[in-house]
C-alpha cells in the first residue's frame, strides 16, 4: 500500500496537470508557500478550497467504484484516527512527518540542479511514512485527506490534530529554511520545475514563464 501511494504521488506530480498547477494537493503545503510569499492570496484561497473539495470527491469516487469494500471496518474509508500512542503519539507523528517532508521539498526544489528529483523524494517519504506511521496516526499530513475520509466514515476523532500538526510542522520547516538560506533562495512553489508549463506562482525559478 505504501509503495502504491508513493508511486501515485510521483505520477500526480509528473502529470500534465501536476506540472501545470504545481501539484499542490495538500492545504498545508499551499499555506506554507503562501507564508513564504510564493502564492498570491486569491490563488492560495482557491487552491485550499478545491483541495478540500477534491479530498471529499476522491473518497466519494472510490466509494462508487469499490462499493461496500471501502466501508468495511478494517478500511472504513481510510479514516485517520490516533493509534499506537494515542492522540499525543499521533500528533507527534504527524508533526514529524510534515516537518521532514517540507524540509526535503524546500531543500530539493530550490536547487535547480536537483529540483527534478523532488517528486521522487516525496514518493519515497510517503511510502516510508505509511509503513512506519500508519499504525500511529493513520497517516495524513494533509487536512483535505483527513476531511475526505471523515465525511464518509462519519468519524471525526481528534480531527484537529490533523489540521494543526501538519501546518505547524511545515511552517516550522519553512521558517528554519528561510532563516538559514534567505528569501532569495526560495525560487518557486512548484513540486516539478518543468519549464514547458506556465508557472502560476510568484517565482523566479530559472526559465519559468509566467502568465500575463
N, C-alpha and C. Protein backbone atom coordinates (compact mmCIF):
# COMPACT_ATOMS: atom_id res chain seq x y z
N UNK A 1 0.82 -1.20 0.00
CA UNK A 1 0.00 0.00 0.00
C UNK A 1 0.86 1.26 0.00
N UNK A 2 1.89 1.27 0.85
CA UNK A 2 2.75 2.44 0.92
C UNK A 2 3.46 2.70 -0.40
N UNK A 3 3.97 1.65 -1.02
CA UNK A 3 4.66 1.81 -2.31
C UNK A 3 3.70 2.32 -3.37
N UNK A 4 2.48 1.77 -3.38
CA UNK A 4 1.47 2.20 -4.36
C UNK A 4 1.14 3.68 -4.19
N UNK A 5 1.00 4.13 -2.96
CA UNK A 5 0.67 5.55 -2.73
C UNK A 5 1.85 6.45 -3.04
N UNK A 6 3.05 5.97 -2.77
CA UNK A 6 4.24 6.74 -3.13
C UNK A 6 4.36 6.92 -4.63
N UNK A 7 4.13 5.83 -5.36
CA UNK A 7 4.18 5.90 -6.83
C UNK A 7 3.08 6.82 -7.35
N UNK A 8 1.90 6.73 -6.75
CA UNK A 8 0.79 7.60 -7.16
C UNK A 8 1.15 9.08 -7.00
N UNK A 9 1.79 9.41 -5.88
CA UNK A 9 2.20 10.81 -5.66
C UNK A 9 3.18 11.27 -6.73
N UNK A 10 4.13 10.41 -7.07
CA UNK A 10 5.11 10.75 -8.12
C UNK A 10 4.40 10.98 -9.46
N UNK A 11 3.45 10.09 -9.78
CA UNK A 11 2.73 10.21 -11.05
C UNK A 11 1.90 11.48 -11.10
N UNK A 12 1.28 11.85 -9.98
CA UNK A 12 0.50 13.09 -9.95
C UNK A 12 1.41 14.29 -10.18
N UNK A 13 2.54 14.32 -9.52
CA UNK A 13 3.47 15.45 -9.67
C UNK A 13 3.99 15.55 -11.09
N UNK A 14 4.20 14.39 -11.75
CA UNK A 14 4.73 14.37 -13.12
C UNK A 14 3.66 14.50 -14.19
N UNK A 15 2.39 14.46 -13.79
CA UNK A 15 1.32 14.55 -14.78
C UNK A 15 1.24 15.96 -15.35
N UNK A 16 0.64 16.12 -16.53
CA UNK A 16 0.49 17.47 -17.10
C UNK A 16 -0.24 18.43 -16.14
N UNK A 17 -1.28 17.96 -15.47
CA UNK A 17 -1.98 18.82 -14.52
C UNK A 17 -1.09 19.16 -13.34
N UNK A 18 -0.30 18.20 -12.89
CA UNK A 18 0.61 18.45 -11.78
C UNK A 18 1.67 19.47 -12.14
N UNK A 19 2.23 19.35 -13.32
CA UNK A 19 3.25 20.30 -13.76
C UNK A 19 2.66 21.68 -14.00
N UNK A 20 1.41 21.71 -14.41
CA UNK A 20 0.76 23.00 -14.67
C UNK A 20 0.38 23.71 -13.38
N UNK A 21 -0.16 22.96 -12.42
CA UNK A 21 -0.68 23.57 -11.19
C UNK A 21 0.34 23.67 -10.07
N UNK A 22 1.42 22.92 -10.19
CA UNK A 22 2.40 22.86 -9.12
C UNK A 22 2.24 21.61 -8.27
N UNK A 23 1.20 20.83 -8.55
CA UNK A 23 0.94 19.56 -7.85
C UNK A 23 0.68 19.75 -6.36
N UNK A 24 -0.03 20.82 -6.04
CA UNK A 24 -0.41 21.04 -4.65
C UNK A 24 -1.72 20.31 -4.38
N UNK A 25 -1.68 19.22 -3.64
CA UNK A 25 -2.92 18.56 -3.24
C UNK A 25 -3.03 18.54 -1.72
N UNK A 26 -2.26 19.40 -1.08
CA UNK A 26 -2.24 19.47 0.38
C UNK A 26 -2.35 20.93 0.83
N UNK A 27 -3.41 21.30 1.55
CA UNK A 27 -3.55 22.69 2.00
C UNK A 27 -2.39 23.16 2.86
N UNK A 28 -1.77 22.26 3.63
CA UNK A 28 -0.66 22.67 4.49
C UNK A 28 0.54 23.12 3.65
N UNK A 29 0.78 22.46 2.52
CA UNK A 29 1.86 22.86 1.63
C UNK A 29 1.54 24.20 0.99
N UNK A 30 0.32 24.35 0.51
CA UNK A 30 -0.08 25.61 -0.12
C UNK A 30 0.03 26.78 0.84
N UNK A 31 -0.46 26.60 2.06
CA UNK A 31 -0.41 27.69 3.04
C UNK A 31 1.03 27.99 3.47
N UNK A 32 1.88 27.00 3.45
CA UNK A 32 3.29 27.24 3.77
C UNK A 32 3.94 28.09 2.69
N UNK A 33 3.67 27.78 1.43
CA UNK A 33 4.23 28.59 0.35
C UNK A 33 3.59 29.98 0.32
N UNK A 34 2.35 30.08 0.76
CA UNK A 34 1.73 31.39 0.90
C UNK A 34 2.49 32.22 1.93
N UNK A 35 2.83 31.59 3.05
CA UNK A 35 3.63 32.26 4.08
C UNK A 35 4.98 32.70 3.52
N UNK A 36 5.53 31.93 2.61
CA UNK A 36 6.84 32.24 2.03
C UNK A 36 6.74 33.26 0.89
N UNK A 37 5.53 33.71 0.59
CA UNK A 37 5.36 34.74 -0.43
C UNK A 37 5.41 34.24 -1.86
N UNK A 38 5.17 32.95 -2.06
CA UNK A 38 5.26 32.36 -3.40
C UNK A 38 3.90 32.19 -4.07
N UNK A 39 2.81 32.41 -3.31
CA UNK A 39 1.47 32.24 -3.87
C UNK A 39 0.64 33.47 -3.53
N UNK A 40 -0.04 34.01 -4.52
CA UNK A 40 -0.92 35.16 -4.30
C UNK A 40 -2.09 34.77 -3.41
N UNK A 41 -2.66 35.74 -2.71
CA UNK A 41 -3.71 35.47 -1.72
C UNK A 41 -4.90 34.73 -2.32
N UNK A 42 -5.45 35.23 -3.42
CA UNK A 42 -6.62 34.60 -4.00
C UNK A 42 -6.29 33.23 -4.55
N UNK A 43 -5.11 33.06 -5.12
CA UNK A 43 -4.70 31.74 -5.61
C UNK A 43 -4.63 30.74 -4.46
N UNK A 44 -4.04 31.16 -3.34
CA UNK A 44 -3.94 30.28 -2.18
C UNK A 44 -5.33 29.89 -1.69
N UNK A 45 -6.24 30.85 -1.65
CA UNK A 45 -7.60 30.57 -1.17
C UNK A 45 -8.29 29.56 -2.07
N UNK A 46 -8.20 29.75 -3.38
CA UNK A 46 -8.85 28.81 -4.30
C UNK A 46 -8.19 27.43 -4.24
N UNK A 47 -6.88 27.39 -4.14
CA UNK A 47 -6.19 26.10 -4.02
C UNK A 47 -6.73 25.34 -2.81
N UNK A 48 -6.79 25.99 -1.67
CA UNK A 48 -7.20 25.32 -0.44
C UNK A 48 -8.64 24.84 -0.53
N UNK A 49 -9.53 25.70 -1.02
CA UNK A 49 -10.95 25.31 -1.14
C UNK A 49 -11.09 24.07 -2.01
N UNK A 50 -10.43 24.08 -3.15
CA UNK A 50 -10.59 22.96 -4.07
C UNK A 50 -9.80 21.72 -3.65
N UNK A 51 -8.79 21.89 -2.83
CA UNK A 51 -8.13 20.73 -2.25
C UNK A 51 -9.09 19.97 -1.34
N UNK A 52 -9.86 20.70 -0.53
CA UNK A 52 -10.84 20.05 0.33
C UNK A 52 -11.97 19.43 -0.50
N UNK A 53 -12.43 20.14 -1.50
CA UNK A 53 -13.46 19.58 -2.38
C UNK A 53 -12.94 18.31 -3.05
N UNK A 54 -11.70 18.37 -3.51
CA UNK A 54 -11.10 17.20 -4.16
C UNK A 54 -10.94 16.03 -3.21
N UNK A 55 -10.60 16.31 -1.95
CA UNK A 55 -10.46 15.25 -0.97
C UNK A 55 -11.76 14.50 -0.75
N UNK A 56 -12.85 15.26 -0.63
CA UNK A 56 -14.17 14.64 -0.44
C UNK A 56 -14.59 13.91 -1.72
N UNK A 57 -14.39 14.55 -2.86
CA UNK A 57 -14.80 13.94 -4.13
C UNK A 57 -14.02 12.66 -4.41
N UNK A 58 -12.73 12.67 -4.06
CA UNK A 58 -11.91 11.49 -4.31
C UNK A 58 -12.40 10.27 -3.54
N UNK A 59 -12.73 10.48 -2.27
CA UNK A 59 -13.26 9.36 -1.47
C UNK A 59 -14.63 8.95 -2.00
N UNK A 60 -15.42 9.91 -2.43
CA UNK A 60 -16.73 9.59 -2.99
C UNK A 60 -16.62 8.73 -4.25
N UNK A 61 -15.68 9.08 -5.11
CA UNK A 61 -15.47 8.30 -6.33
C UNK A 61 -14.99 6.89 -5.98
N UNK A 62 -14.08 6.81 -5.01
CA UNK A 62 -13.61 5.49 -4.57
C UNK A 62 -14.75 4.65 -4.02
N UNK A 63 -15.67 5.30 -3.29
CA UNK A 63 -16.82 4.58 -2.74
C UNK A 63 -17.72 4.03 -3.84
N UNK A 64 -17.89 4.82 -4.91
CA UNK A 64 -18.71 4.37 -6.03
C UNK A 64 -18.03 3.20 -6.74
N UNK A 65 -16.73 3.30 -6.96
CA UNK A 65 -16.02 2.27 -7.71
C UNK A 65 -15.80 0.99 -6.90
N UNK A 66 -15.54 1.13 -5.61
CA UNK A 66 -15.21 -0.02 -4.78
C UNK A 66 -16.39 -0.57 -4.01
N UNK A 67 -17.47 0.19 -3.94
CA UNK A 67 -18.66 -0.29 -3.26
C UNK A 67 -18.46 -0.46 -1.77
N UNK A 68 -19.09 -1.47 -1.22
CA UNK A 68 -19.07 -1.67 0.23
C UNK A 68 -17.70 -2.07 0.77
N UNK A 69 -16.78 -2.49 -0.10
CA UNK A 69 -15.47 -2.93 0.39
C UNK A 69 -14.68 -1.80 1.04
N UNK A 70 -14.97 -0.56 0.65
CA UNK A 70 -14.25 0.56 1.25
C UNK A 70 -14.84 0.96 2.60
N UNK A 71 -16.02 0.43 2.90
CA UNK A 71 -16.70 0.78 4.15
C UNK A 71 -16.55 -0.27 5.24
N UNK A 72 -15.91 -1.40 4.93
CA UNK A 72 -15.75 -2.45 5.95
C UNK A 72 -14.92 -1.89 7.10
N UNK A 73 -15.12 -2.37 8.31
CA UNK A 73 -14.43 -1.80 9.48
C UNK A 73 -12.91 -1.74 9.37
N UNK A 74 -12.31 -2.70 8.68
CA UNK A 74 -10.85 -2.69 8.57
C UNK A 74 -10.33 -1.60 7.64
N UNK A 75 -11.22 -1.04 6.83
CA UNK A 75 -10.84 0.05 5.90
C UNK A 75 -11.49 1.36 6.34
N UNK A 76 -12.80 1.35 6.48
CA UNK A 76 -13.58 2.50 6.95
C UNK A 76 -13.19 3.79 6.24
N UNK A 77 -13.17 3.74 4.93
CA UNK A 77 -12.87 4.90 4.10
C UNK A 77 -11.48 5.49 4.37
N UNK A 78 -10.57 4.66 4.88
CA UNK A 78 -9.19 5.10 5.19
C UNK A 78 -9.19 6.29 6.14
N UNK A 79 -10.11 6.28 7.09
CA UNK A 79 -10.21 7.39 8.03
C UNK A 79 -8.95 7.48 8.89
N UNK A 80 -8.58 8.69 9.25
CA UNK A 80 -7.38 8.89 10.07
C UNK A 80 -7.79 9.07 11.52
N UNK A 81 -7.33 8.16 12.36
CA UNK A 81 -7.58 8.23 13.80
C UNK A 81 -6.30 7.85 14.54
N UNK A 82 -6.11 8.38 15.73
CA UNK A 82 -4.93 8.01 16.51
C UNK A 82 -4.88 6.51 16.78
N UNK A 83 -3.67 5.94 16.74
CA UNK A 83 -3.49 4.53 17.02
C UNK A 83 -2.53 4.32 18.17
N UNK A 84 -1.41 3.68 17.88
CA UNK A 84 -0.38 3.44 18.90
C UNK A 84 0.08 4.77 19.48
N UNK A 85 0.03 4.91 20.79
CA UNK A 85 0.46 6.15 21.43
C UNK A 85 -0.65 7.15 21.63
N UNK A 86 -1.85 6.83 21.17
CA UNK A 86 -2.98 7.71 21.37
C UNK A 86 -2.86 9.04 20.64
N UNK A 87 -3.59 10.02 21.14
CA UNK A 87 -3.62 11.33 20.49
C UNK A 87 -2.25 12.00 20.49
N UNK A 88 -1.53 11.90 21.58
CA UNK A 88 -0.20 12.51 21.65
C UNK A 88 0.75 11.88 20.64
N UNK A 89 0.70 10.55 20.56
CA UNK A 89 1.56 9.87 19.60
C UNK A 89 1.23 10.24 18.17
N UNK A 90 -0.06 10.34 17.87
CA UNK A 90 -0.48 10.71 16.52
C UNK A 90 -0.04 12.13 16.19
N UNK A 91 -0.19 13.04 17.14
CA UNK A 91 0.21 14.43 16.92
C UNK A 91 1.70 14.52 16.62
N UNK A 92 2.51 13.84 17.42
CA UNK A 92 3.95 13.89 17.22
C UNK A 92 4.36 13.24 15.90
N UNK A 93 3.67 12.17 15.54
CA UNK A 93 3.97 11.51 14.26
C UNK A 93 3.65 12.42 13.09
N UNK A 94 2.48 13.06 13.12
CA UNK A 94 2.09 13.97 12.04
C UNK A 94 3.02 15.18 11.98
N UNK A 95 3.39 15.67 13.14
CA UNK A 95 4.31 16.81 13.20
C UNK A 95 5.66 16.45 12.60
N UNK A 96 6.19 15.29 12.97
CA UNK A 96 7.49 14.85 12.45
C UNK A 96 7.43 14.65 10.94
N UNK A 97 6.40 13.95 10.47
CA UNK A 97 6.30 13.68 9.03
C UNK A 97 6.20 14.96 8.22
N UNK A 98 5.38 15.89 8.69
CA UNK A 98 5.20 17.15 7.96
C UNK A 98 6.46 17.98 7.95
N UNK A 99 7.14 18.01 9.08
CA UNK A 99 8.39 18.79 9.18
C UNK A 99 9.43 18.26 8.22
N UNK A 100 9.63 16.96 8.21
CA UNK A 100 10.64 16.36 7.34
C UNK A 100 10.27 16.50 5.87
N UNK A 101 8.99 16.28 5.55
CA UNK A 101 8.55 16.39 4.15
C UNK A 101 8.81 17.79 3.61
N UNK A 102 8.40 18.81 4.35
CA UNK A 102 8.58 20.18 3.87
C UNK A 102 10.05 20.55 3.79
N UNK A 103 10.84 20.07 4.73
CA UNK A 103 12.28 20.36 4.70
C UNK A 103 12.91 19.78 3.44
N UNK A 104 12.55 18.54 3.10
CA UNK A 104 13.10 17.90 1.90
C UNK A 104 12.62 18.61 0.64
N UNK A 105 11.34 18.96 0.60
CA UNK A 105 10.79 19.65 -0.56
C UNK A 105 11.49 20.98 -0.78
N UNK A 106 11.66 21.76 0.26
CA UNK A 106 12.32 23.06 0.12
C UNK A 106 13.78 22.90 -0.28
N UNK A 107 14.44 21.93 0.30
CA UNK A 107 15.88 21.76 0.02
C UNK A 107 16.12 21.31 -1.41
N UNK A 108 15.27 20.44 -1.94
CA UNK A 108 15.49 19.93 -3.30
C UNK A 108 14.91 20.85 -4.36
N UNK A 109 13.68 21.33 -4.15
CA UNK A 109 13.00 22.09 -5.20
C UNK A 109 13.63 23.45 -5.46
N UNK A 110 14.39 23.96 -4.51
CA UNK A 110 15.01 25.27 -4.68
C UNK A 110 16.46 25.18 -5.14
N UNK A 111 16.86 24.02 -5.57
CA UNK A 111 18.18 23.81 -6.17
C UNK A 111 17.98 23.29 -7.58
N UNK A 112 18.09 24.17 -8.58
CA UNK A 112 17.77 23.79 -9.97
C UNK A 112 18.45 22.51 -10.44
N UNK A 113 19.64 22.23 -9.94
CA UNK A 113 20.37 21.04 -10.41
C UNK A 113 19.72 19.74 -9.95
N UNK A 114 18.95 19.76 -8.88
CA UNK A 114 18.33 18.54 -8.37
C UNK A 114 16.81 18.66 -8.22
N UNK A 115 16.23 19.77 -8.67
CA UNK A 115 14.79 20.01 -8.47
C UNK A 115 13.93 18.94 -9.11
N UNK A 116 14.42 18.34 -10.20
CA UNK A 116 13.64 17.29 -10.87
C UNK A 116 13.46 16.05 -9.99
N UNK A 117 14.26 15.93 -8.95
CA UNK A 117 14.18 14.75 -8.08
C UNK A 117 13.24 14.96 -6.88
N UNK A 118 12.67 16.15 -6.78
CA UNK A 118 11.78 16.43 -5.65
C UNK A 118 10.64 15.43 -5.57
N UNK A 119 10.03 15.14 -6.69
CA UNK A 119 8.88 14.23 -6.71
C UNK A 119 9.25 12.85 -6.19
N UNK A 120 10.44 12.38 -6.55
CA UNK A 120 10.86 11.05 -6.11
C UNK A 120 11.12 11.03 -4.60
N UNK A 121 11.65 12.11 -4.09
CA UNK A 121 11.85 12.21 -2.64
C UNK A 121 10.50 12.17 -1.93
N UNK A 122 9.51 12.89 -2.48
CA UNK A 122 8.17 12.88 -1.90
C UNK A 122 7.60 11.47 -1.92
N UNK A 123 7.75 10.77 -3.04
CA UNK A 123 7.22 9.43 -3.15
C UNK A 123 7.85 8.46 -2.16
N UNK A 124 9.16 8.55 -2.00
CA UNK A 124 9.86 7.68 -1.04
C UNK A 124 9.41 7.98 0.39
N UNK A 125 9.27 9.26 0.70
CA UNK A 125 8.82 9.63 2.04
C UNK A 125 7.41 9.11 2.33
N UNK A 126 6.50 9.28 1.38
CA UNK A 126 5.13 8.82 1.58
C UNK A 126 5.09 7.31 1.80
N UNK A 127 5.82 6.57 0.98
CA UNK A 127 5.86 5.12 1.13
C UNK A 127 6.41 4.73 2.50
N UNK A 128 7.45 5.42 2.93
CA UNK A 128 8.05 5.13 4.23
C UNK A 128 7.12 5.51 5.37
N UNK A 129 6.47 6.65 5.23
CA UNK A 129 5.57 7.11 6.28
C UNK A 129 4.42 6.12 6.50
N UNK A 130 3.86 5.62 5.42
CA UNK A 130 2.75 4.69 5.56
C UNK A 130 3.20 3.42 6.28
N UNK A 131 4.38 2.96 5.96
CA UNK A 131 4.90 1.74 6.59
C UNK A 131 5.14 1.95 8.08
N UNK A 132 5.76 3.07 8.42
CA UNK A 132 6.16 3.29 9.81
C UNK A 132 5.10 3.97 10.68
N UNK A 133 4.33 4.88 10.10
CA UNK A 133 3.47 5.73 10.92
C UNK A 133 1.97 5.51 10.75
N UNK A 134 1.54 4.74 9.76
CA UNK A 134 0.10 4.48 9.64
C UNK A 134 -0.48 3.87 10.92
N UNK A 135 0.23 2.95 11.60
CA UNK A 135 -0.33 2.42 12.85
C UNK A 135 -0.38 3.44 13.99
N UNK A 136 0.33 4.54 13.83
CA UNK A 136 0.38 5.55 14.90
C UNK A 136 -0.68 6.63 14.70
N UNK A 137 -0.79 7.14 13.48
CA UNK A 137 -1.72 8.26 13.23
C UNK A 137 -2.72 7.99 12.12
N UNK A 138 -2.57 6.89 11.41
CA UNK A 138 -3.41 6.66 10.24
C UNK A 138 -2.81 7.25 8.99
N UNK A 139 -1.74 8.04 9.14
CA UNK A 139 -1.03 8.74 8.08
C UNK A 139 -1.94 9.71 7.32
N UNK A 140 -1.74 10.97 7.62
CA UNK A 140 -2.47 12.01 6.90
C UNK A 140 -1.50 13.05 6.36
N UNK A 141 -0.95 13.89 7.24
CA UNK A 141 -0.17 15.10 6.93
C UNK A 141 -0.88 15.98 5.91
N UNK A 142 -2.17 15.78 5.75
CA UNK A 142 -2.95 16.51 4.76
C UNK A 142 -4.38 16.69 5.30
N UNK A 143 -4.74 17.90 5.72
CA UNK A 143 -6.10 18.13 6.25
C UNK A 143 -7.20 17.75 5.28
N UNK A 144 -6.98 17.97 3.99
CA UNK A 144 -8.01 17.64 2.99
C UNK A 144 -8.21 16.13 2.89
N UNK A 145 -7.16 15.38 3.03
CA UNK A 145 -7.24 13.91 3.00
C UNK A 145 -8.02 13.41 4.22
N UNK A 146 -7.77 14.01 5.39
CA UNK A 146 -8.49 13.64 6.60
C UNK A 146 -9.97 13.95 6.50
N UNK A 147 -10.31 15.13 6.01
CA UNK A 147 -11.71 15.52 5.88
C UNK A 147 -12.43 14.62 4.88
N UNK A 148 -11.79 14.32 3.76
CA UNK A 148 -12.42 13.46 2.77
C UNK A 148 -12.85 12.12 3.34
N UNK A 149 -11.98 11.50 4.12
CA UNK A 149 -12.32 10.22 4.73
C UNK A 149 -13.35 10.38 5.84
N UNK A 150 -13.19 11.42 6.66
CA UNK A 150 -14.09 11.62 7.80
C UNK A 150 -15.52 11.87 7.38
N UNK A 151 -15.72 12.57 6.27
CA UNK A 151 -17.07 12.87 5.80
C UNK A 151 -17.84 11.58 5.54
N UNK A 152 -17.20 10.61 4.91
CA UNK A 152 -17.90 9.37 4.57
C UNK A 152 -17.92 8.38 5.73
N UNK A 153 -16.86 8.36 6.53
CA UNK A 153 -16.83 7.44 7.67
C UNK A 153 -17.63 7.97 8.85
N UNK A 154 -17.92 9.28 8.84
CA UNK A 154 -18.59 9.94 9.97
C UNK A 154 -17.81 9.73 11.26
N UNK A 155 -16.49 9.79 11.12
CA UNK A 155 -15.60 9.64 12.28
C UNK A 155 -14.68 10.86 12.29
N UNK A 156 -14.77 11.65 13.36
CA UNK A 156 -14.00 12.89 13.46
C UNK A 156 -13.10 12.88 14.70
N UNK A 157 -12.68 11.70 15.10
CA UNK A 157 -11.86 11.56 16.30
C UNK A 157 -10.56 12.37 16.16
N UNK A 158 -10.33 13.27 17.11
CA UNK A 158 -9.09 14.08 17.14
C UNK A 158 -8.80 14.74 15.80
N UNK A 159 -9.85 15.17 15.10
CA UNK A 159 -9.69 15.76 13.78
C UNK A 159 -8.75 16.96 13.80
N UNK A 160 -8.77 17.70 14.90
CA UNK A 160 -7.99 18.94 14.99
C UNK A 160 -6.49 18.70 14.82
N UNK A 161 -6.00 17.56 15.29
CA UNK A 161 -4.55 17.34 15.22
C UNK A 161 -4.10 17.18 13.78
N UNK A 162 -5.00 16.69 12.91
CA UNK A 162 -4.64 16.50 11.51
C UNK A 162 -4.67 17.82 10.73
N UNK A 163 -5.14 18.87 11.38
CA UNK A 163 -5.04 20.22 10.83
C UNK A 163 -3.81 20.93 11.41
N UNK A 164 -3.68 20.87 12.72
CA UNK A 164 -2.66 21.65 13.41
C UNK A 164 -1.25 21.09 13.20
N UNK A 165 -1.07 19.79 13.38
CA UNK A 165 0.27 19.21 13.32
C UNK A 165 0.93 19.36 11.94
N UNK A 166 0.23 19.04 10.83
CA UNK A 166 0.87 19.23 9.52
C UNK A 166 1.24 20.68 9.24
N UNK A 167 0.32 21.59 9.57
CA UNK A 167 0.59 23.00 9.30
C UNK A 167 1.73 23.51 10.18
N UNK A 168 1.74 23.11 11.44
CA UNK A 168 2.81 23.52 12.35
C UNK A 168 4.16 22.98 11.87
N UNK A 169 4.19 21.73 11.47
CA UNK A 169 5.44 21.14 11.03
C UNK A 169 5.99 21.79 9.76
N UNK A 170 5.11 22.02 8.79
CA UNK A 170 5.56 22.60 7.52
C UNK A 170 5.96 24.06 7.68
N UNK A 171 5.18 24.81 8.45
CA UNK A 171 5.55 26.20 8.68
C UNK A 171 6.85 26.29 9.46
N UNK A 172 7.06 25.37 10.39
CA UNK A 172 8.31 25.35 11.14
C UNK A 172 9.50 25.11 10.23
N UNK A 173 9.38 24.14 9.33
CA UNK A 173 10.46 23.88 8.37
C UNK A 173 10.72 25.09 7.49
N UNK A 174 9.63 25.75 7.08
CA UNK A 174 9.77 26.93 6.23
C UNK A 174 10.52 28.05 6.95
N UNK A 175 10.22 28.25 8.22
CA UNK A 175 10.89 29.30 8.97
C UNK A 175 12.39 29.01 9.11
N UNK A 176 12.71 27.76 9.38
CA UNK A 176 14.12 27.37 9.50
C UNK A 176 14.83 27.57 8.18
N UNK A 177 14.21 27.13 7.09
CA UNK A 177 14.83 27.28 5.77
C UNK A 177 15.00 28.76 5.42
N UNK A 178 13.98 29.55 5.71
CA UNK A 178 14.02 30.98 5.40
C UNK A 178 15.18 31.66 6.11
N UNK A 179 15.39 31.32 7.37
CA UNK A 179 16.47 31.94 8.14
C UNK A 179 17.85 31.40 7.75
N UNK A 180 17.89 30.14 7.35
CA UNK A 180 19.17 29.54 7.00
C UNK A 180 19.63 29.91 5.60
N UNK A 181 18.67 29.97 4.66
CA UNK A 181 19.04 30.16 3.25
C UNK A 181 18.73 31.55 2.73
N UNK A 182 17.73 32.22 3.32
CA UNK A 182 17.35 33.54 2.85
C UNK A 182 16.19 33.48 1.86
N UNK A 183 15.43 34.55 1.79
CA UNK A 183 14.24 34.59 0.94
C UNK A 183 14.59 34.43 -0.53
N UNK A 184 15.77 34.87 -0.94
CA UNK A 184 16.16 34.77 -2.35
C UNK A 184 16.43 33.35 -2.79
N UNK A 185 16.52 32.42 -1.85
CA UNK A 185 16.75 31.02 -2.18
C UNK A 185 15.44 30.22 -2.19
N UNK A 186 14.32 30.90 -2.09
CA UNK A 186 13.03 30.25 -2.26
C UNK A 186 12.54 30.62 -3.65
N UNK A 187 12.75 29.72 -4.60
CA UNK A 187 12.59 30.06 -6.00
C UNK A 187 11.16 29.93 -6.51
N UNK A 188 10.47 28.86 -6.10
CA UNK A 188 9.15 28.61 -6.66
C UNK A 188 8.38 27.66 -5.75
N UNK A 189 7.06 27.59 -5.97
CA UNK A 189 6.22 26.70 -5.17
C UNK A 189 5.86 25.43 -5.92
N UNK A 190 6.38 25.25 -7.12
CA UNK A 190 6.08 24.04 -7.88
C UNK A 190 6.86 22.85 -7.33
N UNK A 191 6.23 21.67 -7.40
CA UNK A 191 6.92 20.46 -6.98
C UNK A 191 7.63 19.78 -8.16
N UNK A 192 7.40 20.28 -9.37
CA UNK A 192 8.15 19.84 -10.55
C UNK A 192 8.47 21.07 -11.38
N UNK A 193 9.73 21.27 -11.73
CA UNK A 193 10.13 22.54 -12.35
C UNK A 193 10.01 22.61 -13.86
N UNK A 194 9.32 21.70 -14.51
CA UNK A 194 9.25 21.64 -15.96
C UNK A 194 8.91 23.02 -16.55
N UNK A 195 9.82 23.62 -17.31
CA UNK A 195 9.59 24.98 -17.82
C UNK A 195 8.61 25.03 -18.99
N UNK A 196 8.20 23.89 -19.51
CA UNK A 196 7.26 23.89 -20.63
C UNK A 196 5.86 24.32 -20.20
N UNK A 197 5.60 24.28 -18.90
CA UNK A 197 4.29 24.65 -18.39
C UNK A 197 4.37 26.00 -17.69
N UNK A 198 3.43 26.93 -17.99
CA UNK A 198 3.49 28.23 -17.34
C UNK A 198 3.34 28.10 -15.83
N UNK A 199 4.01 28.98 -15.11
CA UNK A 199 4.01 28.93 -13.66
C UNK A 199 2.96 29.88 -13.08
N UNK A 200 2.07 29.39 -12.22
CA UNK A 200 1.04 30.25 -11.65
C UNK A 200 1.49 30.97 -10.37
N UNK A 201 2.74 30.76 -9.98
CA UNK A 201 3.19 31.26 -8.69
C UNK A 201 4.07 32.51 -8.83
N UNK A 202 4.41 33.09 -7.69
CA UNK A 202 5.28 34.27 -7.65
C UNK A 202 6.71 33.77 -7.50
N UNK A 203 7.31 33.40 -8.61
CA UNK A 203 8.59 32.71 -8.53
C UNK A 203 9.64 33.35 -9.41
N UNK A 204 10.88 32.93 -9.20
CA UNK A 204 11.98 33.33 -10.06
C UNK A 204 12.88 32.13 -10.34
N UNK A 205 12.24 30.98 -10.57
CA UNK A 205 12.98 29.78 -10.93
C UNK A 205 13.50 29.95 -12.35
N UNK A 206 14.73 29.55 -12.62
CA UNK A 206 15.31 29.73 -13.97
C UNK A 206 14.44 29.13 -15.06
N UNK A 207 14.17 29.94 -16.10
CA UNK A 207 13.46 29.54 -17.30
C UNK A 207 11.96 29.33 -17.12
N UNK A 208 11.43 29.60 -15.94
CA UNK A 208 9.99 29.53 -15.79
C UNK A 208 9.34 30.70 -16.49
N UNK A 209 8.25 30.43 -17.20
CA UNK A 209 7.48 31.51 -17.81
C UNK A 209 6.19 31.69 -17.04
N UNK A 210 5.70 32.89 -17.02
CA UNK A 210 4.56 33.22 -16.18
C UNK A 210 3.41 33.76 -17.01
N UNK A 211 2.22 33.56 -16.46
CA UNK A 211 1.03 34.06 -17.15
C UNK A 211 0.98 35.58 -17.05
N UNK A 212 0.44 36.20 -18.06
CA UNK A 212 0.31 37.65 -18.06
C UNK A 212 -1.12 38.04 -17.75
